Amino acid sequence: MSHFVSIQTQIKDIESLQSACAELGFGFAKDARARGIGTEQHGDYVIRLNGPCDVAVQRQQDGTFGLSTDWWEGHVEKEVGAKYCRLLQLYAVHKTAREARRRGLNVQRCSLANGTIKLVLTGGTL
């Protein structure tokens, strides 16, 4: 039976998550239903993936946001990576760049052949 599963995450900045989703080519909806295989789940936000399943983004009691999805048949994993690794990597890149710019720093980004994303912050003190 297919069902939604949550994995512990620390999403604190919805705008950075939305930017990461846009870079990956995913839609992002507020107060919507996330598709699963034969099931749905409400999310404060929903990441609209290209396949048959979506990711529900739900506010937690501590104010952060958690992610849950239907991992059945590997549809979601193909798009966001195992345990959301591609999505969370880009979230971290966008969150770091946003904070650095807010502090007056310049941000240079370079994608390496092994999939690593290198950020170089210059122009001020941290």
PDB file of N, CA and C in Angstrom:
ATOM      1  N   MET A   1       0.840  -1.175   0.000  1.00  0.00           N
ATOM      2  CA  MET A   1       0.000   0.000   0.000  1.00  0.00           C
ATOM      3  C   MET A   1       0.888   1.243   0.000  1.00  0.00           C
ATOM      4  N   SER A   2       0.539   2.199  -0.787  1.00  0.00           N
ATOM      5  CA  SER A   2       1.288   3.442  -0.910  1.00  0.00           C
ATOM      6  C   SER A   2       0.856   4.414   0.187  1.00  0.00           C
ATOM      7  N   HIS A   3       1.823   5.185   0.713  1.00  0.00           N
ATOM      8  CA  HIS A   3       1.510   6.158   1.754  1.00  0.00           C
ATOM      9  C   HIS A   3       2.600   7.234   1.810  1.00  0.00           C
ATOM     10  N   PHE A   4       2.305   8.335   2.473  1.00  0.00           N
ATOM     11  CA  PHE A   4       3.265   9.428   2.629  1.00  0.00           C
ATOM     12  C   PHE A   4       4.185   9.137   3.802  1.00  0.00           C
ATOM     13  N   VAL A   5       5.467   9.496   3.648  1.00  0.00           N
ATOM     14  CA  VAL A   5       6.472   9.290   4.679  1.00  0.00           C
ATOM     15  C   VAL A   5       7.193  10.610   4.905  1.00  0.00           C
ATOM     16  N   SER A   6       7.444  10.942   6.173  1.00  0.00           N
ATOM     17  CA  SER A   6       8.192  12.158   6.510  1.00  0.00           C
ATOM     18  C   SER A   6       9.623  11.797   6.845  1.00  0.00           C
ATOM     19  N   ILE A   7      10.551  12.652   6.423  1.00  0.00           N
ATOM     20  CA  ILE A   7      11.962  12.507   6.757  1.00  0.00           C
ATOM     21  C   ILE A   7      12.369  13.770   7.498  1.00  0.00           C
ATOM     22  N   GLN A   8      13.111  13.629   8.600  1.00  0.00           N
ATOM     23  CA  GLN A   8      13.506  14.779   9.410  1.00  0.00           C
ATOM     24  C   GLN A   8      14.298  15.785   8.576  1.00  0.00           C
ATOM     25  N   THR A   9      13.828  17.012   8.528  1.00  0.00           N
ATOM     26  CA  THR A   9      14.497  18.079   7.796  1.00  0.00           C
ATOM     27  C   THR A   9      14.448  19.355   8.621  1.00  0.00           C
ATOM     28  N   GLN A  10      15.188  20.369   8.196  1.00  0.00           N
ATOM     29  CA  GLN A  10      15.222  21.662   8.870  1.00  0.00           C
ATOM     30  C   GLN A  10      15.013  22.764   7.841  1.00  0.00           C
ATOM     31  N   ILE A  11      13.817  22.894   7.321  1.00  0.00           N
ATOM     32  CA  ILE A  11      13.504  23.962   6.381  1.00  0.00           C
ATOM     33  C   ILE A  11      13.007  25.149   7.198  1.00  0.00           C
ATOM     34  N   LYS A  12      13.724  26.276   7.108  1.00  0.00           N
ATOM     35  CA  LYS A  12      13.339  27.464   7.879  1.00  0.00           C
ATOM     36  C   LYS A  12      12.952  28.636   6.990  1.00  0.00           C
ATOM     37  N   ASP A  13      13.287  28.575   5.705  1.00  0.00           N
ATOM     38  CA  ASP A  13      13.094  29.708   4.805  1.00  0.00           C
ATOM     39  C   ASP A  13      12.320  29.252   3.562  1.00  0.00           C
ATOM     40  N   ILE A  14      11.032  29.544   3.545  1.00  0.00           N
ATOM     41  CA  ILE A  14      10.179  29.104   2.440  1.00  0.00           C
ATOM     42  C   ILE A  14      10.623  29.719   1.117  1.00  0.00           C
ATOM     43  N   GLU A  15      11.082  30.979   1.127  1.00  0.00           N
ATOM     44  CA  GLU A  15      11.501  31.626  -0.122  1.00  0.00           C
ATOM     45  C   GLU A  15      12.707  30.907  -0.734  1.00  0.00           C
ATOM     46  N   SER A  16      13.636  30.459   0.106  1.00  0.00           N
ATOM     47  CA  SER A  16      14.793  29.712  -0.403  1.00  0.00           C
ATOM     48  C   SER A  16      14.368  28.357  -0.945  1.00  0.00           C
ATOM     49  N   LEU A  17      13.420  27.706  -0.281  1.00  0.00           N
ATOM     50  CA  LEU A  17      12.899  26.436  -0.782  1.00  0.00           C
ATOM     51  C   LEU A  17      12.204  26.642  -2.119  1.00  0.00           C
ATOM     52  N   GLN A  18      11.429  27.705  -2.227  1.00  0.00           N
ATOM     53  CA  GLN A  18      10.734  27.999  -3.480  1.00  0.00           C
ATOM     54  C   GLN A  18      11.732  28.278  -4.604  1.00  0.00           C
ATOM     55  N   SER A  19      12.815  28.984  -4.302  1.00  0.00           N
ATOM     56  CA  SER A  19      13.855  29.244  -5.305  1.00  0.00           C
ATOM     57  C   SER A  19      14.523  27.953  -5.760  1.00  0.00           C
ATOM     58  N   ALA A  20      14.797  27.049  -4.813  1.00  0.00           N
ATOM     59  CA  ALA A  20      15.393  25.757  -5.160  1.00  0.00           C
ATOM     60  C   ALA A  20      14.449  24.962  -6.062  1.00  0.00           C
ATOM     61  N   CYS A  21      13.169  24.992  -5.741  1.00  0.00           N
ATOM     62  CA  CYS A  21      12.175  24.284  -6.564  1.00  0.00           C
ATOM     63  C   CYS A  21      12.113  24.856  -7.972  1.00  0.00           C
ATOM     64  N   ALA A  22      12.144  26.174  -8.076  1.00  0.00           N
ATOM     65  CA  ALA A  22      12.110  26.815  -9.396  1.00  0.00           C
ATOM     66  C   ALA A  22      13.325  26.405 -10.213  1.00  0.00           C
ATOM     67  N   GLU A  23      14.493  26.356  -9.582  1.00  0.00           N
ATOM     68  CA  GLU A  23      15.704  25.947 -10.298  1.00  0.00           C
ATOM     69  C   GLU A  23      15.598  24.520 -10.812  1.00  0.00           C
ATOM     70  N   LEU A  24      14.923  23.666 -10.054  1.00  0.00           N
ATOM     71  CA  LEU A  24      14.739  22.270 -10.466  1.00  0.00           C
ATOM     72  C   LEU A  24      13.575  22.087 -11.438  1.00  0.00           C
ATOM     73  N   GLY A  25      12.828  23.159 -11.691  1.00  0.00           N
ATOM     74  CA  GLY A  25      11.716  23.086 -12.633  1.00  0.00           C
ATOM     75  C   GLY A  25      10.419  22.597 -12.020  1.00  0.00           C
ATOM     76  N   PHE A  26      10.276  22.724 -10.696  1.00  0.00           N
ATOM     77  CA  PHE A  26       9.079  22.278 -10.004  1.00  0.00           C
ATOM     78  C   PHE A  26       8.167  23.460  -9.703  1.00  0.00           C
ATOM     79  N   GLY A  27       6.880  23.198  -9.690  1.00  0.00           N
ATOM     80  CA  GLY A  27       5.916  24.196  -9.262  1.00  0.00           C
ATOM     81  C   GLY A  27       5.883  24.267  -7.747  1.00  0.00           C
ATOM     82  N   PHE A  28       5.274  25.321  -7.228  1.00  0.00           N
ATOM     83  CA  PHE A  28       5.219  25.516  -5.782  1.00  0.00           C
ATOM     84  C   PHE A  28       3.878  26.183  -5.469  1.00  0.00           C
ATOM     85  N   ALA A  29       3.022  25.497  -4.718  1.00  0.00           N
ATOM     86  CA  ALA A  29       1.672  25.996  -4.440  1.00  0.00           C
ATOM     87  C   ALA A  29       1.463  26.142  -2.936  1.00  0.00           C
ATOM     88  N   LYS A  30       0.689  27.143  -2.564  1.00  0.00           N
ATOM     89  CA  LYS A  30       0.353  27.366  -1.154  1.00  0.00           C
ATOM     90  C   LYS A  30      -0.994  26.722  -0.850  1.00  0.00           C
ATOM     91  N   ASP A  31      -1.092  26.097   0.347  1.00  0.00           N
ATOM     92  CA  ASP A  31      -2.345  25.523   0.830  1.00  0.00           C
ATOM     93  C   ASP A  31      -2.981  24.625  -0.235  1.00  0.00           C
ATOM     94  N   ALA A  32      -2.319  23.502  -0.521  1.00  0.00           N
ATOM     95  CA  ALA A  32      -2.742  22.638  -1.627  1.00  0.00           C
ATOM     96  C   ALA A  32      -2.679  21.169  -1.220  1.00  0.00           C
ATOM     97  N   ARG A  33      -3.083  20.305  -2.126  1.00  0.00           N
ATOM     98  CA  ARG A  33      -3.049  18.857  -1.922  1.00  0.00           C
ATOM     99  C   ARG A  33      -1.875  18.270  -2.705  1.00  0.00           C
ATOM    100  N   ALA A  34      -1.083  17.451  -2.033  1.00  0.00           N
ATOM    101  CA  ALA A  34       0.036  16.758  -2.669  1.00  0.00           C
ATOM    102  C   ALA A  34      -0.444  15.400  -3.157  1.00  0.00           C
ATOM    103  N   ARG A  35      -0.090  15.063  -4.378  1.00  0.00           N
ATOM    104  CA  ARG A  35      -0.476  13.787  -4.976  1.00  0.00           C
ATOM    105  C   ARG A  35       0.458  12.678  -4.510  1.00  0.00           C
ATOM    106  N   GLY A  36      -0.127  11.530  -4.234  1.00  0.00           N
ATOM    107  CA  GLY A  36       0.613  10.305  -4.002  1.00  0.00           C
ATOM    108  C   GLY A  36       0.038   9.251  -4.934  1.00  0.00           C
ATOM    109  N   ILE A  37       0.486   8.026  -4.809  1.00  0.00           N
ATOM    110  CA  ILE A  37      -0.059   6.943  -5.620  1.00  0.00           C
ATOM    111  C   ILE A  37      -1.336   6.457  -4.933  1.00  0.00           C
ATOM    112  N   GLY A  38      -2.482   6.878  -5.445  1.00  0.00           N
ATOM    113  CA  GLY A  38      -3.759   6.490  -4.874  1.00  0.00           C
ATOM    114  C   GLY A  38      -4.107   7.195  -3.574  1.00  0.00           C
ATOM    115  N   THR A  39      -3.382   8.258  -3.239  1.00  0.00           N
ATOM    116  CA  THR A  39      -3.630   8.987  -2.002  1.00  0.00           C
ATOM    117  C   THR A  39      -3.243  10.453  -2.176  1.00  0.00           C
ATOM    118  N   GLU A  40      -3.686  11.282  -1.285  1.00  0.00           N
ATOM    119  CA  GLU A  40      -3.318  12.704  -1.277  1.00  0.00           C
ATOM    120  C   GLU A  40      -3.031  13.126   0.157  1.00  0.00           C
ATOM    121  N   GLN A  41      -2.300  14.229   0.293  1.00  0.00           N
ATOM    122  CA  GLN A  41      -2.041  14.793   1.612  1.00  0.00           C
ATOM    123  C   GLN A  41      -2.034  16.311   1.490  1.00  0.00           C
ATOM    124  N   HIS A  42      -2.645  16.989   2.457  1.00  0.00           N
ATOM    125  CA  HIS A  42      -2.647  18.450   2.464  1.00  0.00           C
ATOM    126  C   HIS A  42      -1.273  18.954   2.892  1.00  0.00           C
ATOM    127  N   GLY A  43      -0.869  20.072   2.288  1.00  0.00           N
ATOM    128  CA  GLY A  43       0.365  20.732   2.697  1.00  0.00           C
ATOM    129  C   GLY A  43       0.144  22.225   2.829  1.00  0.00           C
ATOM    130  N   ASP A  44       0.826  22.845   3.795  1.00  0.00           N
ATOM    131  CA  ASP A  44       0.810  24.306   3.852  1.00  0.00           C
ATOM    132  C   ASP A  44       1.343  24.849   2.532  1.00  0.00           C
ATOM    133  N   TYR A  45       2.311  24.115   1.974  1.00  0.00           N
ATOM    134  CA  TYR A  45       2.837  24.349   0.626  1.00  0.00           C
ATOM    135  C   TYR A  45       2.994  22.982  -0.014  1.00  0.00           C
ATOM    136  N   VAL A  46       2.961  22.938  -1.338  1.00  0.00           N
ATOM    137  CA  VAL A  46       3.170  21.683  -2.053  1.00  0.00           C
ATOM    138  C   VAL A  46       4.149  21.930  -3.185  1.00  0.00           C
ATOM    139  N   ILE A  47       5.156  21.064  -3.255  1.00  0.00           N
ATOM    140  CA  ILE A  47       6.116  21.088  -4.352  1.00  0.00           C
ATOM    141  C   ILE A  47       5.546  20.183  -5.435  1.00  0.00           C
ATOM    142  N   ARG A  48       5.204  20.784  -6.566  1.00  0.00           N
ATOM    143  CA  ARG A  48       4.587  20.064  -7.682  1.00  0.00           C
ATOM    144  C   ARG A  48       5.690  19.457  -8.549  1.00  0.00           C
ATOM    145  N   LEU A  49       5.890  18.155  -8.405  1.00  0.00           N
ATOM    146  CA  LEU A  49       6.898  17.462  -9.195  1.00  0.00           C
ATOM    147  C   LEU A  49       6.339  17.125 -10.572  1.00  0.00           C
ATOM    148  N   ASN A  50       7.216  16.668 -11.456  1.00  0.00           N
ATOM    149  CA  ASN A  50       6.810  16.361 -12.826  1.00  0.00           C
ATOM    150  C   ASN A  50       6.156  14.987 -12.955  1.00  0.00           C
ATOM    151  N   GLY A  51       6.476  14.068 -12.051  1.00  0.00           N
ATOM    152  CA  GLY A  51       5.910  12.721 -12.076  1.00  0.00           C
ATOM    153  C   GLY A  51       4.566  12.667 -11.375  1.00  0.00           C
ATOM    154  N   PRO A  52       4.152  11.463 -10.974  1.00  0.00           N
ATOM    155  CA  PRO A  52       2.808  11.290 -10.407  1.00  0.00           C
ATOM    156  C   PRO A  52       2.660  11.684  -8.936  1.00  0.00           C
ATOM    157  N   CYS A  53       3.745  12.030  -8.274  1.00  0.00           N
ATOM    158  CA  CYS A  53       3.693  12.363  -6.848  1.00  0.00           C
ATOM    159  C   CYS A  53       4.256  13.753  -6.600  1.00  0.00           C
ATOM    160  N   ASP A  54       3.833  14.362  -5.489  1.00  0.00           N
ATOM    161  CA  ASP A  54       4.305  15.675  -5.071  1.00  0.00           C
ATOM    162  C   ASP A  54       4.921  15.565  -3.680  1.00  0.00           C
ATOM    163  N   VAL A  55       5.431  16.691  -3.176  1.00  0.00           N
ATOM    164  CA  VAL A  55       5.980  16.761  -1.823  1.00  0.00           C
ATOM    165  C   VAL A  55       5.140  17.754  -1.029  1.00  0.00           C
ATOM    166  N   ALA A  56       4.613  17.316   0.120  1.00  0.00           N
ATOM    167  CA  ALA A  56       3.875  18.200   1.017  1.00  0.00           C
ATOM    168  C   ALA A  56       4.869  18.872   1.960  1.00  0.00           C
ATOM    169  N   VAL A  57       4.717  20.181   2.130  1.00  0.00           N
ATOM    170  CA  VAL A  57       5.563  20.968   3.034  1.00  0.00           C
ATOM    171  C   VAL A  57       4.645  21.447   4.153  1.00  0.00           C
ATOM    172  N   GLN A  58       4.957  21.028   5.385  1.00  0.00           N
ATOM    173  CA  GLN A  58       4.067  21.330   6.501  1.00  0.00           C
ATOM    174  C   GLN A  58       4.816  21.994   7.645  1.00  0.00           C
ATOM    175  N   ARG A  59       4.192  23.064   8.186  1.00  0.00           N
ATOM    176  CA  ARG A  59       4.778  23.764   9.326  1.00  0.00           C
ATOM    177  C   ARG A  59       4.744  22.847  10.545  1.00  0.00           C
ATOM    178  N   GLN A  60       5.884  22.787  11.229  1.00  0.00           N
ATOM    179  CA  GLN A  60       6.024  21.982  12.436  1.00  0.00           C
ATOM    180  C   GLN A  60       5.780  22.854  13.670  1.00  0.00           C
ATOM    181  N   GLN A  61       5.647  22.251  14.819  1.00  0.00           N
ATOM    182  CA  GLN A  61       5.389  22.989  16.054  1.00  0.00           C
ATOM    183  C   GLN A  61       6.506  23.970  16.385  1.00  0.00           C
ATOM    184  N   ASP A  62       7.737  23.666  15.994  1.00  0.00           N
ATOM    185  CA  ASP A  62       8.867  24.551  16.306  1.00  0.00           C
ATOM    186  C   ASP A  62       9.032  25.686  15.294  1.00  0.00           C
ATOM    187  N   GLY A  63       8.118  25.785  14.307  1.00  0.00           N
ATOM    188  CA  GLY A  63       8.168  26.857  13.322  1.00  0.00           C
ATOM    189  C   GLY A  63       8.913  26.510  12.052  1.00  0.00           C
ATOM    190  N   THR A  64       9.657  25.412  12.050  1.00  0.00           N
ATOM    191  CA  THR A  64      10.323  24.963  10.829  1.00  0.00           C
ATOM    192  C   THR A  64       9.296  24.228   9.959  1.00  0.00           C
ATOM    193  N   PHE A  65       9.724  23.803   8.793  1.00  0.00           N
ATOM    194  CA  PHE A  65       8.840  23.071   7.883  1.00  0.00           C
ATOM    195  C   PHE A  65       9.397  21.671   7.650  1.00  0.00           C
ATOM    196  N   GLY A  66       8.508  20.696   7.598  1.00  0.00           N
ATOM    197  CA  GLY A  66       8.873  19.323   7.303  1.00  0.00           C
ATOM    198  C   GLY A  66       8.384  18.945   5.915  1.00  0.00           C
ATOM    199  N   LEU A  67       9.008  17.938   5.346  1.00  0.00           N
ATOM    200  CA  LEU A  67       8.655  17.449   4.014  1.00  0.00           C
ATOM    201  C   LEU A  67       8.124  16.026   4.137  1.00  0.00           C
ATOM    202  N   SER A  68       7.068  15.726   3.392  1.00  0.00           N
ATOM    203  CA  SER A  68       6.605  14.338   3.325  1.00  0.00           C
ATOM    204  C   SER A  68       6.127  14.058   1.908  1.00  0.00           C
ATOM    205  N   THR A  69       6.303  12.816   1.514  1.00  0.00           N
ATOM    206  CA  THR A  69       5.932  12.410   0.160  1.00  0.00           C
ATOM    207  C   THR A  69       5.663  10.927   0.114  1.00  0.00           C
ATOM    208  N   ASP A  70       5.176  10.471  -0.999  1.00  0.00           N
ATOM    209  CA  ASP A  70       4.940   9.062  -1.272  1.00  0.00           C
ATOM    210  C   ASP A  70       6.145   8.552  -2.069  1.00  0.00           C
ATOM    211  N   TRP A  71       7.027   7.799  -1.434  1.00  0.00           N
ATOM    212  CA  TRP A  71       8.269   7.335  -2.060  1.00  0.00           C
ATOM    213  C   TRP A  71       8.073   6.102  -2.943  1.00  0.00           C
ATOM    214  N   TRP A  72       6.866   5.600  -3.079  1.00  0.00           N
ATOM    215  CA  TRP A  72       6.615   4.351  -3.781  1.00  0.00           C
ATOM    216  C   TRP A  72       7.137   4.380  -5.216  1.00  0.00           C
ATOM    217  N   GLU A  73       7.765   3.303  -5.622  1.00  0.00           N
ATOM    218  CA  GLU A  73       8.246   3.086  -6.993  1.00  0.00           C
ATOM    219  C   GLU A  73       9.359   4.034  -7.426  1.00  0.00           C
ATOM    220  N   GLY A  74       9.897   4.859  -6.535  1.00  0.00           N
ATOM    221  CA  GLY A  74      11.045   5.703  -6.857  1.00  0.00           C
ATOM    222  C   GLY A  74      10.764   6.927  -7.703  1.00  0.00           C
ATOM    223  N   HIS A  75       9.488   7.275  -7.914  1.00  0.00           N
ATOM    224  CA  HIS A  75       9.154   8.440  -8.746  1.00  0.00           C
ATOM    225  C   HIS A  75       9.752   9.726  -8.169  1.00  0.00           C
ATOM    226  N   VAL A  76       9.567   9.947  -6.883  1.00  0.00           N
ATOM    227  CA  VAL A  76      10.041  11.178  -6.245  1.00  0.00           C
ATOM    228  C   VAL A  76      11.564  11.193  -6.172  1.00  0.00           C
ATOM    229  N   GLU A  77      12.147  10.063  -5.830  1.00  0.00           N
ATOM    230  CA  GLU A  77      13.601   9.968  -5.706  1.00  0.00           C
ATOM    231  C   GLU A  77      14.307  10.340  -7.012  1.00  0.00           C
ATOM    232  N   LYS A  78      13.724   9.990  -8.147  1.00  0.00           N
ATOM    233  CA  LYS A  78      14.310  10.339  -9.443  1.00  0.00           C
ATOM    234  C   LYS A  78      14.391  11.849  -9.635  1.00  0.00           C
ATOM    235  N   GLU A  79      13.458  12.588  -9.024  1.00  0.00           N
ATOM    236  CA  GLU A  79      13.405  14.039  -9.226  1.00  0.00           C
ATOM    237  C   GLU A  79      14.140  14.841  -8.157  1.00  0.00           C
ATOM    238  N   VAL A  80      14.031  14.425  -6.897  1.00  0.00           N
ATOM    239  CA  VAL A  80      14.631  15.218  -5.810  1.00  0.00           C
ATOM    240  C   VAL A  80      15.816  14.533  -5.152  1.00  0.00           C
ATOM    241  N   GLY A  81      16.114  13.305  -5.538  1.00  0.00           N
ATOM    242  CA  GLY A  81      17.216  12.559  -4.954  1.00  0.00           C
ATOM    243  C   GLY A  81      16.769  11.753  -3.743  1.00  0.00           C
ATOM    244  N   ALA A  82      17.607  10.802  -3.355  1.00  0.00           N
ATOM    245  CA  ALA A  82      17.314   9.979  -2.183  1.00  0.00           C
ATOM    246  C   ALA A  82      17.227  10.877  -0.954  1.00  0.00           C
ATOM    247  N   LYS A  83      16.196  10.697  -0.171  1.00  0.00           N
ATOM    248  CA  LYS A  83      15.962  11.494   1.042  1.00  0.00           C
ATOM    249  C   LYS A  83      16.017  12.991   0.753  1.00  0.00           C
ATOM    250  N   TYR A  84      15.556  13.388  -0.424  1.00  0.00           N
ATOM    251  CA  TYR A  84      15.489  14.787  -0.867  1.00  0.00           C
ATOM    252  C   TYR A  84      16.870  15.426  -1.071  1.00  0.00           C
ATOM    253  N   CYS A  85      17.933  14.656  -1.258  1.00  0.00           N
ATOM    254  CA  CYS A  85      19.293  15.215  -1.249  1.00  0.00           C
ATOM    255  C   CYS A  85      19.502  16.328  -2.280  1.00  0.00           C
ATOM    256  N   ARG A  86      19.030  16.190  -3.508  1.00  0.00           N
ATOM    257  CA  ARG A  86      19.201  17.268  -4.510  1.00  0.00           C
ATOM    258  C   ARG A  86      18.435  18.522  -4.106  1.00  0.00           C
ATOM    259  N   LEU A  87      17.203  18.327  -3.658  1.00  0.00           N
ATOM    260  CA  LEU A  87      16.380  19.460  -3.237  1.00  0.00           C
ATOM    261  C   LEU A  87      17.003  20.163  -2.036  1.00  0.00           C
ATOM    262  N   LEU A  88      17.443  19.409  -1.042  1.00  0.00           N
ATOM    263  CA  LEU A  88      18.028  20.013   0.161  1.00  0.00           C
ATOM    264  C   LEU A  88      19.368  20.685  -0.129  1.00  0.00           C
ATOM    265  N   GLN A  89      20.143  20.133  -1.071  1.00  0.00           N
ATOM    266  CA  GLN A  89      21.399  20.772  -1.465  1.00  0.00           C
ATOM    267  C   GLN A  89      21.117  22.153  -2.062  1.00  0.00           C
ATOM    268  N   LEU A  90      20.159  22.233  -2.974  1.00  0.00           N
ATOM    269  CA  LEU A  90      19.836  23.522  -3.587  1.00  0.00           C
ATOM    270  C   LEU A  90      19.171  24.474  -2.600  1.00  0.00           C
ATOM    271  N   TYR A  91      18.382  23.944  -1.677  1.00  0.00           N
ATOM    272  CA  TYR A  91      17.818  24.780  -0.618  1.00  0.00           C
ATOM    273  C   TYR A  91      18.960  25.432   0.171  1.00  0.00           C
ATOM    274  N   ALA A  92      19.954  24.650   0.552  1.00  0.00           N
ATOM    275  CA  ALA A  92      21.095  25.181   1.317  1.00  0.00           C
ATOM    276  C   ALA A  92      21.856  26.233   0.510  1.00  0.00           C
ATOM    277  N   VAL A  93      22.029  26.009  -0.781  1.00  0.00           N
ATOM    278  CA  VAL A  93      22.702  26.976  -1.648  1.00  0.00           C
ATOM    279  C   VAL A  93      21.922  28.288  -1.684  1.00  0.00           C
ATOM    280  N   HIS A  94      20.616  28.211  -1.905  1.00  0.00           N
ATOM    281  CA  HIS A  94      19.795  29.421  -1.989  1.00  0.00           C
ATOM    282  C   HIS A  94      19.702  30.126  -0.639  1.00  0.00           C
ATOM    283  N   LYS A  95      19.606  29.379   0.451  1.00  0.00           N
ATOM    284  CA  LYS A  95      19.542  29.978   1.793  1.00  0.00           C
ATOM    285  C   LYS A  95      20.851  30.683   2.120  1.00  0.00           C
ATOM    286  N   THR A  96      21.972  30.052   1.843  1.00  0.00           N
ATOM    287  CA  THR A  96      23.289  30.649   2.107  1.00  0.00           C
ATOM    288  C   THR A  96      23.484  31.903   1.271  1.00  0.00           C
ATOM    289  N   ALA A  97      23.161  31.831  -0.015  1.00  0.00           N
ATOM    290  CA  ALA A  97      23.321  32.986  -0.902  1.00  0.00           C
ATOM    291  C   ALA A  97      22.431  34.145  -0.461  1.00  0.00           C
ATOM    292  N   ARG A  98      21.208  33.843  -0.065  1.00  0.00           N
ATOM    293  CA  ARG A  98      20.276  34.880   0.393  1.00  0.00           C
ATOM    294  C   ARG A  98      20.816  35.576   1.649  1.00  0.00           C
ATOM    295  N   GLU A  99      21.300  34.795   2.606  1.00  0.00           N
ATOM    296  CA  GLU A  99      21.844  35.362   3.847  1.00  0.00           C
ATOM    297  C   GLU A  99      23.116  36.163   3.580  1.00  0.00           C
ATOM    298  N   ALA A 100      23.960  35.651   2.697  1.00  0.00           N
ATOM    299  CA  ALA A 100      25.212  36.353   2.372  1.00  0.00           C
ATOM    300  C   ALA A 100      24.919  37.696   1.718  1.00  0.00           C
ATOM    301  N   ARG A 101      24.005  37.726   0.771  1.00  0.00           N
ATOM    302  CA  ARG A 101      23.644  38.987   0.110  1.00  0.00           C
ATOM    303  C   ARG A 101      23.017  39.971   1.095  1.00  0.00           C
ATOM    304  N   ARG A 102      22.217  39.444   2.020  1.00  0.00           N
ATOM    305  CA  ARG A 102      21.593  40.286   3.044  1.00  0.00           C
ATOM    306  C   ARG A 102      22.666  40.978   3.896  1.00  0.00           C
ATOM    307  N   ARG A 103      23.802  40.324   4.042  1.00  0.00           N
ATOM    308  CA  ARG A 103      24.921  40.880   4.815  1.00  0.00           C
ATOM    309  C   ARG A 103      25.901  41.682   3.961  1.00  0.00           C
ATOM    310  N   GLY A 104      25.541  41.902   2.698  1.00  0.00           N
ATOM    311  CA  GLY A 104      26.372  42.714   1.822  1.00  0.00           C
ATOM    312  C   GLY A 104      27.504  41.989   1.131  1.00  0.00           C
ATOM    313  N   LEU A 105      27.469  40.676   1.135  1.00  0.00           N
ATOM    314  CA  LEU A 105      28.521  39.895   0.493  1.00  0.00           C
ATOM    315  C   LEU A 105      28.154  39.570  -0.951  1.00  0.00           C
ATOM    316  N   ASN A 106      29.177  39.382  -1.760  1.00  0.00           N
ATOM    317  CA  ASN A 106      29.002  38.912  -3.132  1.00  0.00           C
ATOM    318  C   ASN A 106      29.057  37.386  -3.114  1.00  0.00           C
ATOM    319  N   VAL A 107      28.257  36.771  -3.970  1.00  0.00           N
ATOM    320  CA  VAL A 107      28.186  35.312  -4.004  1.00  0.00           C
ATOM    321  C   VAL A 107      28.533  34.839  -5.400  1.00  0.00           C
ATOM    322  N   GLN A 108      29.512  33.952  -5.481  1.00  0.00           N
ATOM    323  CA  GLN A 108      29.839  33.285  -6.738  1.00  0.00           C
ATOM    324  C   GLN A 108      29.562  31.803  -6.547  1.00  0.00           C
ATOM    325  N   ARG A 109      28.945  31.216  -7.550  1.00  0.00           N
ATOM    326  CA  ARG A 109      28.543  29.812  -7.475  1.00  0.00           C
ATOM    327  C   ARG A 109      29.185  29.037  -8.601  1.00  0.00           C
ATOM    328  N   CYS A 110      29.682  27.858  -8.276  1.00  0.00           N
ATOM    329  CA  CYS A 110      30.316  27.001  -9.270  1.00  0.00           C
ATOM    330  C   CYS A 110      29.873  25.559  -9.026  1.00  0.00           C
ATOM    331  N   SER A 111      29.367  24.901 -10.063  1.00  0.00           N
ATOM    332  CA  SER A 111      28.991  23.492  -9.961  1.00  0.00           C
ATOM    333  C   SER A 111      30.170  22.639 -10.406  1.00  0.00           C
ATOM    334  N   LEU A 112      30.574  21.712  -9.554  1.00  0.00           N
ATOM    335  CA  LEU A 112      31.699  20.837  -9.857  1.00  0.00           C
ATOM    336  C   LEU A 112      31.217  19.555 -10.537  1.00  0.00           C
ATOM    337  N   ALA A 113      32.126  18.872 -11.204  1.00  0.00           N
ATOM    338  CA  ALA A 113      31.791  17.676 -11.978  1.00  0.00           C
ATOM    339  C   ALA A 113      31.174  16.571 -11.121  1.00  0.00           C
ATOM    340  N   ASN A 114      31.532  16.509  -9.840  1.00  0.00           N
ATOM    341  CA  ASN A 114      31.012  15.450  -8.972  1.00  0.00           C
ATOM    342  C   ASN A 114      29.645  15.783  -8.363  1.00  0.00           C
ATOM    343  N   GLY A 115      29.036  16.912  -8.762  1.00  0.00           N
ATOM    344  CA  GLY A 115      27.733  17.302  -8.252  1.00  0.00           C
ATOM    345  C   GLY A 115      27.782  18.276  -7.082  1.00  0.00           C
ATOM    346  N   THR A 116      28.962  18.514  -6.567  1.00  0.00           N
ATOM    347  CA  THR A 116      29.134  19.474  -5.481  1.00  0.00           C
ATOM    348  C   THR A 116      28.913  20.886  -6.012  1.00  0.00           C
ATOM    349  N   ILE A 117      28.316  21.726  -5.199  1.00  0.00           N
ATOM    350  CA  ILE A 117      28.150  23.132  -5.549  1.00  0.00           C
ATOM    351  C   ILE A 117      29.040  23.935  -4.606  1.00  0.00           C
ATOM    352  N   LYS A 118      29.935  24.716  -5.196  1.00  0.00           N
ATOM    353  CA  LYS A 118      30.880  25.517  -4.417  1.00  0.00           C
ATOM    354  C   LYS A 118      30.403  26.966  -4.425  1.00  0.00           C
ATOM    355  N   LEU A 119      30.309  27.557  -3.231  1.00  0.00           N
ATOM    356  CA  LEU A 119      29.968  28.965  -3.095  1.00  0.00           C
ATOM    357  C   LEU A 119      31.185  29.720  -2.582  1.00  0.00           C
ATOM    358  N   VAL A 120      31.475  30.861  -3.206  1.00  0.00           N
ATOM    359  CA  VAL A 120      32.558  31.723  -2.750  1.00  0.00           C
ATOM    360  C   VAL A 120      31.914  33.036  -2.340  1.00  0.00           C
ATOM    361  N   LEU A 121      32.081  33.421  -1.073  1.00  0.00           N
ATOM    362  CA  LEU A 121      31.526  34.647  -0.540  1.00  0.00           C
ATOM    363  C   LEU A 121      32.654  35.661  -0.360  1.00  0.00           C
ATOM    364  N   THR A 122      32.483  36.865  -0.915  1.00  0.00           N
ATOM    365  CA  THR A 122      33.517  37.891  -0.836  1.00  0.00           C
ATOM    366  C   THR A 122      32.887  39.250  -0.555  1.00  0.00           C
ATOM    367  N   GLY A 123      33.736  40.204  -0.130  1.00  0.00           N
ATOM    368  CA  GLY A 123      33.309  41.582  -0.049  1.00  0.00           C
ATOM    369  C   GLY A 123      32.975  42.115   1.307  1.00  0.00           C
ATOM    370  N   GLY A 124      33.231  41.400   2.358  1.00  0.00           N
ATOM    371  CA  GLY A 124      32.910  41.913   3.680  1.00  0.00           C
ATOM    372  C   GLY A 124      33.345  40.953   4.756  1.00  0.00           C
ATOM    373  N   THR A 125      32.868  41.199   5.945  1.00  0.00           N
ATOM    374  CA  THR A 125      33.197  40.299   7.048  1.00  0.00           C
ATOM    375  C   THR A 125      31.939  39.533   7.432  1.00  0.00           C
ATOM    376  N   LEU A 126      32.133  38.312   7.813  1.00  0.00           N
ATOM    377  CA  LEU A 126      31.008  37.475   8.229  1.00  0.00           C
ATOM    378  C   LEU A 126      30.774  37.738   9.682  1.00  0.00           C
TER     379      LEU A 126
END
